[in-house]
């Protein structure tokens, strides 16, 4: 199912929701479609509207300040675009750069997406000990950046330039 980005009335990214939820918000006049998927429309007996890609709430919603995106296995896979950081093939699991048995934890900077073969080959060692090289360094995404990443690789393409730039400028570097 398609993911739709929800913006606050102030145009700040809030969350991603399912296409169904986005349509309900638009139909209830709680949100407006800011950007639609080109050429796709939803049709019903009495209504027709574009398939929303980005919606904006009509009323401002106050959200507690979130300094960090919460870590999750799915979040790591999405951040690394489901690509193994060791070989570049499709990633199906999460690997700890510093193994948990050596004191490494479940953090953005210590976990990377990996294919099962490379995860098994690295085993209970650091990449240096296993003679493996990371193709990209892990980083901690901002809450806004993690929402844009959840839209997928193709999700960022075609979004307004200001939106992608805004989320990317907040990135915490490793």
N, C-alpha and C. Protein backbone atom coordinates (compact mmCIF):
# COMPACT_ATOMS: atom_id res chain seq x y z
N UNK A 1 0.84 -1.18 0.00
CA UNK A 1 0.00 0.00 0.00
C UNK A 1 0.88 1.24 0.00
N UNK A 2 0.46 2.28 -0.71
CA UNK A 2 1.24 3.51 -0.81
C UNK A 2 1.26 4.24 0.52
N UNK A 3 2.38 4.91 0.79
CA UNK A 3 2.51 5.76 1.96
C UNK A 3 2.32 7.20 1.52
N UNK A 4 1.67 7.99 2.35
CA UNK A 4 1.43 9.39 2.07
C UNK A 4 2.04 10.21 3.20
N UNK A 5 2.76 11.26 2.83
CA UNK A 5 3.39 12.13 3.81
C UNK A 5 2.36 13.14 4.29
N UNK A 6 2.28 13.33 5.61
CA UNK A 6 1.36 14.30 6.20
C UNK A 6 2.18 15.47 6.71
N UNK A 7 1.82 16.67 6.25
CA UNK A 7 2.46 17.90 6.70
C UNK A 7 1.53 18.61 7.67
N UNK A 8 2.10 19.29 8.63
CA UNK A 8 1.32 20.12 9.52
C UNK A 8 0.85 21.34 8.73
N UNK A 9 -0.03 22.14 9.28
CA UNK A 9 -0.51 23.35 8.60
C UNK A 9 0.66 24.30 8.31
N UNK A 10 1.74 24.17 9.09
CA UNK A 10 2.93 25.00 8.91
C UNK A 10 3.92 24.38 7.93
N UNK A 11 3.52 23.33 7.23
CA UNK A 11 4.31 22.63 6.22
C UNK A 11 5.46 21.80 6.80
N UNK A 12 5.49 21.55 8.10
CA UNK A 12 6.53 20.68 8.65
C UNK A 12 6.05 19.23 8.57
N UNK A 13 6.92 18.28 8.21
CA UNK A 13 6.51 16.87 8.13
C UNK A 13 6.11 16.34 9.50
N UNK A 14 4.98 15.64 9.55
CA UNK A 14 4.49 15.08 10.80
C UNK A 14 4.60 13.56 10.85
N UNK A 15 4.13 12.91 9.78
CA UNK A 15 4.07 11.44 9.78
C UNK A 15 3.83 10.94 8.36
N UNK A 16 3.89 9.63 8.22
CA UNK A 16 3.44 8.99 6.99
C UNK A 16 2.24 8.14 7.36
N UNK A 17 1.25 8.15 6.49
CA UNK A 17 0.04 7.37 6.73
C UNK A 17 -0.28 6.55 5.48
N UNK A 18 -1.18 5.61 5.64
CA UNK A 18 -1.59 4.81 4.49
C UNK A 18 -2.42 5.66 3.54
N UNK A 19 -2.51 5.21 2.32
CA UNK A 19 -3.31 5.91 1.32
C UNK A 19 -4.76 6.03 1.80
N UNK A 20 -5.27 4.98 2.38
CA UNK A 20 -6.66 4.98 2.88
C UNK A 20 -6.88 6.09 3.91
N UNK A 21 -5.96 6.20 4.87
CA UNK A 21 -6.08 7.24 5.91
C UNK A 21 -5.96 8.63 5.31
N UNK A 22 -5.07 8.81 4.35
CA UNK A 22 -4.91 10.11 3.70
C UNK A 22 -6.20 10.52 2.98
N UNK A 23 -6.83 9.58 2.28
CA UNK A 23 -8.08 9.88 1.57
C UNK A 23 -9.17 10.26 2.57
N UNK A 24 -9.24 9.55 3.69
CA UNK A 24 -10.24 9.87 4.71
C UNK A 24 -10.03 11.29 5.23
N UNK A 25 -8.79 11.67 5.51
CA UNK A 25 -8.51 13.03 6.00
C UNK A 25 -8.93 14.08 4.97
N UNK A 26 -8.66 13.82 3.70
CA UNK A 26 -9.04 14.77 2.65
C UNK A 26 -10.57 14.83 2.52
N UNK A 27 -11.22 13.68 2.53
CA UNK A 27 -12.68 13.64 2.39
C UNK A 27 -13.39 14.32 3.56
N UNK A 28 -12.80 14.28 4.74
CA UNK A 28 -13.39 14.92 5.92
C UNK A 28 -13.00 16.40 6.01
N UNK A 29 -12.33 16.91 4.98
CA UNK A 29 -11.87 18.31 4.94
C UNK A 29 -10.94 18.65 6.09
N UNK A 30 -10.20 17.65 6.58
CA UNK A 30 -9.21 17.89 7.61
C UNK A 30 -7.84 18.14 6.99
N UNK A 31 -7.70 17.81 5.70
CA UNK A 31 -6.42 17.98 5.00
C UNK A 31 -6.70 18.31 3.54
N UNK A 32 -5.69 18.88 2.90
CA UNK A 32 -5.76 19.17 1.47
C UNK A 32 -4.60 18.47 0.79
N UNK A 33 -4.79 18.10 -0.46
CA UNK A 33 -3.74 17.44 -1.23
C UNK A 33 -2.75 18.50 -1.70
N UNK A 34 -1.49 18.38 -1.26
CA UNK A 34 -0.44 19.30 -1.68
C UNK A 34 0.26 18.79 -2.94
N UNK A 35 0.41 17.48 -3.02
CA UNK A 35 1.02 16.87 -4.19
C UNK A 35 0.38 15.50 -4.41
N UNK A 36 0.10 15.21 -5.68
CA UNK A 36 -0.56 13.95 -6.03
C UNK A 36 0.35 13.13 -6.92
N UNK A 37 0.08 11.84 -6.98
CA UNK A 37 0.78 10.97 -7.92
C UNK A 37 0.28 11.32 -9.32
N UNK A 38 1.18 11.61 -10.25
CA UNK A 38 0.75 12.04 -11.58
C UNK A 38 -0.04 10.96 -12.30
N UNK A 39 -1.18 11.36 -12.83
CA UNK A 39 -1.99 10.46 -13.64
C UNK A 39 -2.85 9.47 -12.88
N UNK A 40 -2.76 9.44 -11.55
CA UNK A 40 -3.56 8.51 -10.76
C UNK A 40 -4.70 9.24 -10.07
N UNK A 41 -5.89 8.68 -10.13
CA UNK A 41 -7.05 9.29 -9.50
C UNK A 41 -7.85 8.22 -8.78
N UNK A 42 -8.55 8.63 -7.72
CA UNK A 42 -9.46 7.76 -6.98
C UNK A 42 -10.86 8.18 -7.39
N UNK A 43 -11.64 7.20 -7.83
CA UNK A 43 -13.00 7.49 -8.27
C UNK A 43 -14.00 6.68 -7.44
N UNK A 44 -15.09 7.36 -7.08
CA UNK A 44 -16.21 6.72 -6.40
C UNK A 44 -17.48 7.23 -7.07
N UNK A 45 -18.61 6.82 -6.57
CA UNK A 45 -19.88 7.18 -7.20
C UNK A 45 -20.06 8.69 -7.31
N UNK A 46 -19.75 9.42 -6.25
CA UNK A 46 -20.01 10.86 -6.26
C UNK A 46 -18.76 11.72 -6.13
N UNK A 47 -17.60 11.10 -6.15
CA UNK A 47 -16.39 11.89 -5.92
C UNK A 47 -15.23 11.36 -6.76
N UNK A 48 -14.35 12.28 -7.11
CA UNK A 48 -13.12 11.91 -7.80
C UNK A 48 -12.02 12.84 -7.30
N UNK A 49 -10.90 12.25 -6.87
CA UNK A 49 -9.79 13.08 -6.40
C UNK A 49 -8.47 12.43 -6.77
N UNK A 50 -7.41 13.26 -6.84
CA UNK A 50 -6.10 12.70 -7.17
C UNK A 50 -5.57 11.83 -6.04
N UNK A 51 -4.75 10.83 -6.38
CA UNK A 51 -4.15 9.97 -5.36
C UNK A 51 -3.09 10.80 -4.62
N UNK A 52 -3.33 11.06 -3.33
CA UNK A 52 -2.42 11.95 -2.61
C UNK A 52 -1.06 11.33 -2.33
N UNK A 53 -0.03 12.12 -2.54
CA UNK A 53 1.33 11.74 -2.21
C UNK A 53 1.79 12.51 -0.98
N UNK A 54 1.38 13.79 -0.92
CA UNK A 54 1.65 14.67 0.23
C UNK A 54 0.36 15.40 0.54
N UNK A 55 -0.06 15.35 1.80
CA UNK A 55 -1.23 16.12 2.23
C UNK A 55 -0.80 17.07 3.34
N UNK A 56 -1.57 18.17 3.47
CA UNK A 56 -1.29 19.15 4.52
C UNK A 56 -2.55 19.32 5.36
N UNK A 57 -2.39 19.25 6.68
CA UNK A 57 -3.53 19.43 7.58
C UNK A 57 -4.02 20.87 7.49
N UNK A 58 -5.32 21.05 7.61
CA UNK A 58 -5.91 22.39 7.53
C UNK A 58 -5.72 23.16 8.83
N UNK A 59 -5.65 22.45 9.95
CA UNK A 59 -5.43 23.10 11.24
C UNK A 59 -4.08 22.67 11.79
N UNK A 60 -3.41 23.59 12.46
CA UNK A 60 -2.11 23.29 13.04
C UNK A 60 -2.26 22.33 14.22
N UNK A 61 -1.42 21.31 14.25
CA UNK A 61 -1.42 20.33 15.34
C UNK A 61 -0.13 20.53 16.13
N UNK A 62 -0.27 20.79 17.43
CA UNK A 62 0.91 20.97 18.27
C UNK A 62 1.48 19.61 18.60
N UNK A 63 2.77 19.43 18.33
CA UNK A 63 3.43 18.15 18.57
C UNK A 63 4.57 18.39 19.54
N UNK A 64 4.75 17.49 20.52
CA UNK A 64 5.91 17.64 21.40
C UNK A 64 7.20 17.58 20.58
N UNK A 65 8.18 18.33 20.99
CA UNK A 65 9.45 18.39 20.25
C UNK A 65 10.11 17.02 20.26
N UNK A 66 10.47 16.54 19.07
CA UNK A 66 11.18 15.26 18.95
C UNK A 66 12.58 15.56 18.43
N UNK A 67 13.55 15.39 19.27
CA UNK A 67 14.91 15.67 18.87
C UNK A 67 15.49 14.51 18.06
N UNK A 68 15.06 13.29 18.35
CA UNK A 68 15.63 12.11 17.70
C UNK A 68 14.53 11.20 17.16
N UNK A 69 14.87 10.55 16.07
CA UNK A 69 13.98 9.52 15.53
C UNK A 69 14.21 8.25 16.34
N UNK A 70 13.15 7.58 16.72
CA UNK A 70 13.32 6.37 17.51
C UNK A 70 13.87 5.24 16.63
N UNK A 71 14.78 4.45 17.19
CA UNK A 71 15.44 3.38 16.46
C UNK A 71 14.49 2.21 16.29
N UNK A 72 14.55 1.59 15.12
CA UNK A 72 13.82 0.34 14.88
C UNK A 72 14.52 -0.43 13.77
N UNK A 73 14.33 -1.74 13.74
CA UNK A 73 14.92 -2.56 12.68
C UNK A 73 14.40 -2.11 11.33
N UNK A 74 13.09 -1.87 11.23
CA UNK A 74 12.50 -1.41 9.98
C UNK A 74 13.10 -0.07 9.58
N UNK A 75 13.31 0.81 10.57
CA UNK A 75 13.90 2.12 10.29
C UNK A 75 15.30 2.01 9.72
N UNK A 76 16.09 1.08 10.22
CA UNK A 76 17.45 0.88 9.71
C UNK A 76 17.40 0.38 8.27
N UNK A 77 16.51 -0.58 7.99
CA UNK A 77 16.37 -1.09 6.62
C UNK A 77 15.93 0.02 5.67
N UNK A 78 15.00 0.85 6.11
CA UNK A 78 14.52 1.95 5.28
C UNK A 78 15.62 2.98 5.08
N UNK A 79 16.34 3.32 6.16
CA UNK A 79 17.43 4.29 6.07
C UNK A 79 18.47 3.85 5.04
N UNK A 80 18.81 2.56 5.04
CA UNK A 80 19.82 2.04 4.11
C UNK A 80 19.20 1.56 2.80
N UNK A 81 17.93 1.89 2.59
CA UNK A 81 17.19 1.58 1.36
C UNK A 81 17.21 0.10 1.01
N UNK A 82 17.14 -0.73 2.04
CA UNK A 82 17.10 -2.19 1.87
C UNK A 82 18.27 -2.71 1.05
N UNK A 83 19.42 -2.07 1.17
CA UNK A 83 20.64 -2.49 0.48
C UNK A 83 21.70 -2.84 1.51
N UNK A 84 22.36 -3.97 1.30
CA UNK A 84 23.42 -4.43 2.20
C UNK A 84 24.59 -3.45 2.13
N UNK A 85 25.07 -2.99 3.29
CA UNK A 85 26.17 -2.04 3.30
C UNK A 85 27.52 -2.70 3.05
N UNK A 86 27.54 -4.02 2.99
CA UNK A 86 28.78 -4.73 2.72
C UNK A 86 28.95 -5.07 1.24
N UNK A 87 27.85 -5.46 0.57
CA UNK A 87 27.97 -5.89 -0.83
C UNK A 87 27.03 -5.14 -1.79
N UNK A 88 26.01 -4.46 -1.27
CA UNK A 88 25.09 -3.72 -2.12
C UNK A 88 23.87 -4.49 -2.58
N UNK A 89 23.81 -5.80 -2.27
CA UNK A 89 22.63 -6.58 -2.66
C UNK A 89 21.46 -6.26 -1.73
N UNK A 90 20.32 -6.89 -1.98
CA UNK A 90 19.12 -6.66 -1.17
C UNK A 90 19.37 -7.11 0.27
N UNK A 91 19.06 -6.22 1.21
CA UNK A 91 19.24 -6.51 2.63
C UNK A 91 17.95 -7.05 3.22
N UNK A 92 18.09 -8.06 4.05
CA UNK A 92 16.92 -8.67 4.69
C UNK A 92 17.02 -8.64 6.21
N UNK A 93 18.16 -8.21 6.73
CA UNK A 93 18.36 -8.23 8.18
C UNK A 93 19.18 -7.02 8.61
N UNK A 94 19.30 -6.86 9.91
CA UNK A 94 20.07 -5.75 10.48
C UNK A 94 21.30 -6.34 11.17
N UNK A 95 22.46 -5.73 10.93
CA UNK A 95 23.71 -6.19 11.52
C UNK A 95 24.24 -5.13 12.47
N UNK A 96 24.82 -5.56 13.57
CA UNK A 96 25.45 -4.64 14.52
C UNK A 96 26.91 -4.49 14.13
N UNK A 97 27.36 -3.26 13.90
CA UNK A 97 28.76 -3.00 13.53
C UNK A 97 29.66 -3.51 14.66
N UNK A 98 29.40 -3.05 15.88
CA UNK A 98 30.04 -3.63 17.06
C UNK A 98 29.03 -4.61 17.64
N UNK A 99 29.34 -5.91 17.62
CA UNK A 99 28.36 -6.92 18.06
C UNK A 99 27.86 -6.66 19.48
N UNK A 100 26.63 -7.07 19.73
CA UNK A 100 26.04 -6.89 21.06
C UNK A 100 26.88 -7.59 22.13
N UNK A 101 27.48 -8.73 21.78
CA UNK A 101 28.30 -9.46 22.74
C UNK A 101 29.57 -8.69 23.11
N UNK A 102 29.94 -7.70 22.29
CA UNK A 102 31.12 -6.87 22.57
C UNK A 102 30.71 -5.50 23.11
N UNK A 103 29.45 -5.36 23.50
CA UNK A 103 28.99 -4.10 24.09
C UNK A 103 28.26 -3.17 23.13
N UNK A 104 28.07 -3.56 21.88
CA UNK A 104 27.35 -2.73 20.93
C UNK A 104 25.85 -2.80 21.17
N UNK A 105 25.18 -1.69 20.96
CA UNK A 105 23.74 -1.65 21.23
C UNK A 105 22.91 -1.43 19.98
N UNK A 106 21.61 -1.38 20.20
CA UNK A 106 20.66 -1.11 19.13
C UNK A 106 20.55 0.40 18.96
N UNK A 107 21.49 0.98 18.23
CA UNK A 107 21.47 2.42 17.98
C UNK A 107 21.62 2.66 16.48
N UNK A 108 21.25 3.86 16.05
CA UNK A 108 21.37 4.21 14.64
C UNK A 108 22.81 4.11 14.13
N UNK A 109 23.77 4.49 14.97
CA UNK A 109 25.17 4.52 14.54
C UNK A 109 25.86 3.17 14.64
N UNK A 110 25.20 2.18 15.26
CA UNK A 110 25.82 0.87 15.42
C UNK A 110 25.12 -0.22 14.61
N UNK A 111 24.07 0.11 13.89
CA UNK A 111 23.35 -0.90 13.12
C UNK A 111 23.29 -0.50 11.65
N UNK A 112 23.37 -1.52 10.80
CA UNK A 112 23.31 -1.32 9.35
C UNK A 112 22.48 -2.44 8.73
N UNK A 113 21.95 -2.17 7.54
CA UNK A 113 21.22 -3.21 6.81
C UNK A 113 22.24 -4.16 6.18
N UNK A 114 21.92 -5.44 6.18
CA UNK A 114 22.84 -6.44 5.62
C UNK A 114 22.05 -7.59 5.02
N UNK A 115 22.65 -8.23 4.04
CA UNK A 115 22.06 -9.46 3.51
C UNK A 115 22.40 -10.58 4.49
N UNK A 116 21.62 -11.64 4.47
CA UNK A 116 21.83 -12.74 5.42
C UNK A 116 23.21 -13.36 5.27
N UNK A 117 23.70 -13.46 4.03
CA UNK A 117 25.01 -14.08 3.78
C UNK A 117 26.14 -13.28 4.44
N UNK A 118 26.14 -11.95 4.25
CA UNK A 118 27.20 -11.12 4.85
C UNK A 118 27.05 -11.03 6.36
N UNK A 119 25.82 -11.02 6.85
CA UNK A 119 25.61 -11.00 8.29
C UNK A 119 26.17 -12.26 8.92
N UNK A 120 25.96 -13.39 8.26
CA UNK A 120 26.49 -14.67 8.76
C UNK A 120 28.02 -14.71 8.65
N UNK A 121 28.56 -14.18 7.54
CA UNK A 121 30.01 -14.18 7.33
C UNK A 121 30.72 -13.30 8.36
N UNK A 122 30.14 -12.16 8.67
CA UNK A 122 30.73 -11.26 9.66
C UNK A 122 30.64 -11.86 11.05
N UNK A 123 29.53 -12.52 11.33
CA UNK A 123 29.29 -13.22 12.59
C UNK A 123 29.47 -12.30 13.80
N UNK A 124 30.23 -12.76 14.78
CA UNK A 124 30.38 -12.06 16.05
C UNK A 124 31.67 -11.25 16.08
N UNK A 125 31.94 -10.54 14.97
CA UNK A 125 33.17 -9.75 14.86
C UNK A 125 32.84 -8.35 14.36
N UNK A 126 33.79 -7.45 14.50
CA UNK A 126 33.63 -6.13 13.90
C UNK A 126 33.97 -6.26 12.41
N UNK A 127 33.58 -5.29 11.58
CA UNK A 127 33.92 -5.37 10.16
C UNK A 127 35.44 -5.48 9.92
N UNK A 128 36.23 -4.78 10.73
CA UNK A 128 37.70 -4.85 10.58
C UNK A 128 38.21 -6.25 10.87
N UNK A 129 37.71 -6.86 11.93
CA UNK A 129 38.13 -8.22 12.28
C UNK A 129 37.72 -9.22 11.21
N UNK A 130 36.59 -8.98 10.55
CA UNK A 130 36.10 -9.90 9.53
C UNK A 130 36.67 -9.58 8.15
N UNK A 131 37.44 -8.49 8.05
CA UNK A 131 38.00 -8.10 6.75
C UNK A 131 36.95 -7.58 5.79
N UNK A 132 35.91 -6.94 6.32
CA UNK A 132 34.82 -6.42 5.49
C UNK A 132 34.80 -4.90 5.58
N UNK A 133 34.37 -4.27 4.49
CA UNK A 133 34.35 -2.81 4.43
C UNK A 133 32.90 -2.33 4.28
N UNK A 134 32.56 -1.27 5.00
CA UNK A 134 31.23 -0.67 4.88
C UNK A 134 31.19 0.22 3.64
N UNK A 135 30.18 0.04 2.79
CA UNK A 135 30.03 0.88 1.60
C UNK A 135 29.54 2.27 1.96
N UNK A 136 28.82 2.38 3.08
CA UNK A 136 28.36 3.69 3.56
C UNK A 136 28.33 3.67 5.08
N UNK A 137 28.56 4.83 5.67
CA UNK A 137 28.57 4.93 7.13
C UNK A 137 27.14 5.06 7.65
N UNK A 138 26.84 4.40 8.77
CA UNK A 138 25.52 4.59 9.37
C UNK A 138 25.37 6.01 9.90
N UNK A 139 24.16 6.55 9.83
CA UNK A 139 23.90 7.88 10.36
C UNK A 139 22.58 7.87 11.10
N UNK A 140 22.38 8.87 11.92
CA UNK A 140 21.14 9.00 12.68
C UNK A 140 20.23 9.99 11.96
N UNK A 141 19.12 9.50 11.40
CA UNK A 141 18.22 10.41 10.69
C UNK A 141 17.43 11.27 11.67
N UNK A 142 17.08 12.47 11.24
CA UNK A 142 16.20 13.31 12.05
C UNK A 142 14.79 12.75 11.93
N UNK A 143 13.87 13.11 12.81
CA UNK A 143 12.50 12.63 12.67
C UNK A 143 11.90 12.96 11.29
N UNK A 144 12.16 14.17 10.79
CA UNK A 144 11.62 14.55 9.47
C UNK A 144 12.26 13.72 8.36
N UNK A 145 13.56 13.50 8.46
CA UNK A 145 14.26 12.71 7.44
C UNK A 145 13.78 11.26 7.45
N UNK A 146 13.52 10.71 8.64
CA UNK A 146 13.06 9.33 8.70
C UNK A 146 11.68 9.18 8.07
N UNK A 147 10.85 10.21 8.15
CA UNK A 147 9.54 10.15 7.49
C UNK A 147 9.71 10.17 5.97
N UNK A 148 10.61 11.00 5.48
CA UNK A 148 10.85 11.03 4.03
C UNK A 148 11.46 9.72 3.56
N UNK A 149 12.35 9.15 4.36
CA UNK A 149 12.94 7.86 4.00
C UNK A 149 11.88 6.77 3.94
N UNK A 150 10.87 6.87 4.80
CA UNK A 150 9.81 5.86 4.81
C UNK A 150 9.01 5.87 3.51
N UNK A 151 9.07 6.98 2.77
CA UNK A 151 8.37 7.03 1.49
C UNK A 151 9.08 6.17 0.46
N UNK A 152 10.30 5.75 0.73
CA UNK A 152 11.04 4.87 -0.18
C UNK A 152 11.95 5.65 -1.10
N UNK A 153 12.78 4.92 -1.85
CA UNK A 153 13.74 5.53 -2.76
C UNK A 153 13.04 6.39 -3.79
N UNK A 154 11.99 5.85 -4.40
CA UNK A 154 11.28 6.62 -5.41
C UNK A 154 10.39 7.68 -4.78
N UNK A 155 10.12 7.53 -3.47
CA UNK A 155 9.25 8.48 -2.80
C UNK A 155 9.83 9.88 -2.72
N UNK A 156 11.14 9.99 -2.58
CA UNK A 156 11.78 11.30 -2.48
C UNK A 156 11.82 12.01 -3.82
N UNK A 157 11.91 11.23 -4.89
CA UNK A 157 11.94 11.82 -6.22
C UNK A 157 10.56 12.38 -6.52
N UNK A 158 10.51 13.58 -7.03
CA UNK A 158 9.24 14.18 -7.38
C UNK A 158 8.62 14.98 -6.24
N UNK A 159 9.19 14.90 -5.03
CA UNK A 159 8.70 15.73 -3.94
C UNK A 159 9.22 17.15 -4.15
N UNK A 160 8.52 18.13 -3.59
CA UNK A 160 9.01 19.50 -3.73
C UNK A 160 10.43 19.63 -3.20
N UNK A 161 11.26 20.37 -3.90
CA UNK A 161 12.67 20.54 -3.55
C UNK A 161 12.83 21.07 -2.12
N UNK A 162 11.98 22.03 -1.73
CA UNK A 162 12.10 22.62 -0.40
C UNK A 162 11.85 21.60 0.70
N UNK A 163 10.99 20.61 0.42
CA UNK A 163 10.67 19.61 1.44
C UNK A 163 11.84 18.65 1.64
N UNK A 164 12.43 18.17 0.56
CA UNK A 164 13.55 17.25 0.65
C UNK A 164 14.75 17.97 1.26
N UNK A 165 14.99 19.22 0.86
CA UNK A 165 16.13 20.00 1.38
C UNK A 165 15.94 20.27 2.87
N UNK A 166 14.72 20.56 3.28
CA UNK A 166 14.45 20.88 4.68
C UNK A 166 14.78 19.69 5.58
N UNK A 167 14.35 18.51 5.18
CA UNK A 167 14.60 17.32 6.00
C UNK A 167 16.07 16.94 5.96
N UNK A 168 16.71 17.06 4.81
CA UNK A 168 18.11 16.68 4.68
C UNK A 168 19.06 17.58 5.42
N UNK A 169 18.67 18.87 5.62
CA UNK A 169 19.56 19.81 6.28
C UNK A 169 19.65 19.57 7.78
N UNK A 170 18.68 18.84 8.35
CA UNK A 170 18.68 18.57 9.79
C UNK A 170 19.49 17.35 10.15
N UNK A 171 20.01 16.62 9.17
CA UNK A 171 20.63 15.31 9.42
C UNK A 171 21.78 15.42 10.41
N UNK A 172 21.77 14.49 11.36
CA UNK A 172 22.87 14.37 12.32
C UNK A 172 23.92 13.50 11.66
N UNK A 173 25.12 14.02 11.49
CA UNK A 173 26.16 13.25 10.80
C UNK A 173 26.88 12.33 11.77
N UNK A 174 27.41 11.24 11.20
CA UNK A 174 28.09 10.24 12.01
C UNK A 174 29.52 10.65 12.29
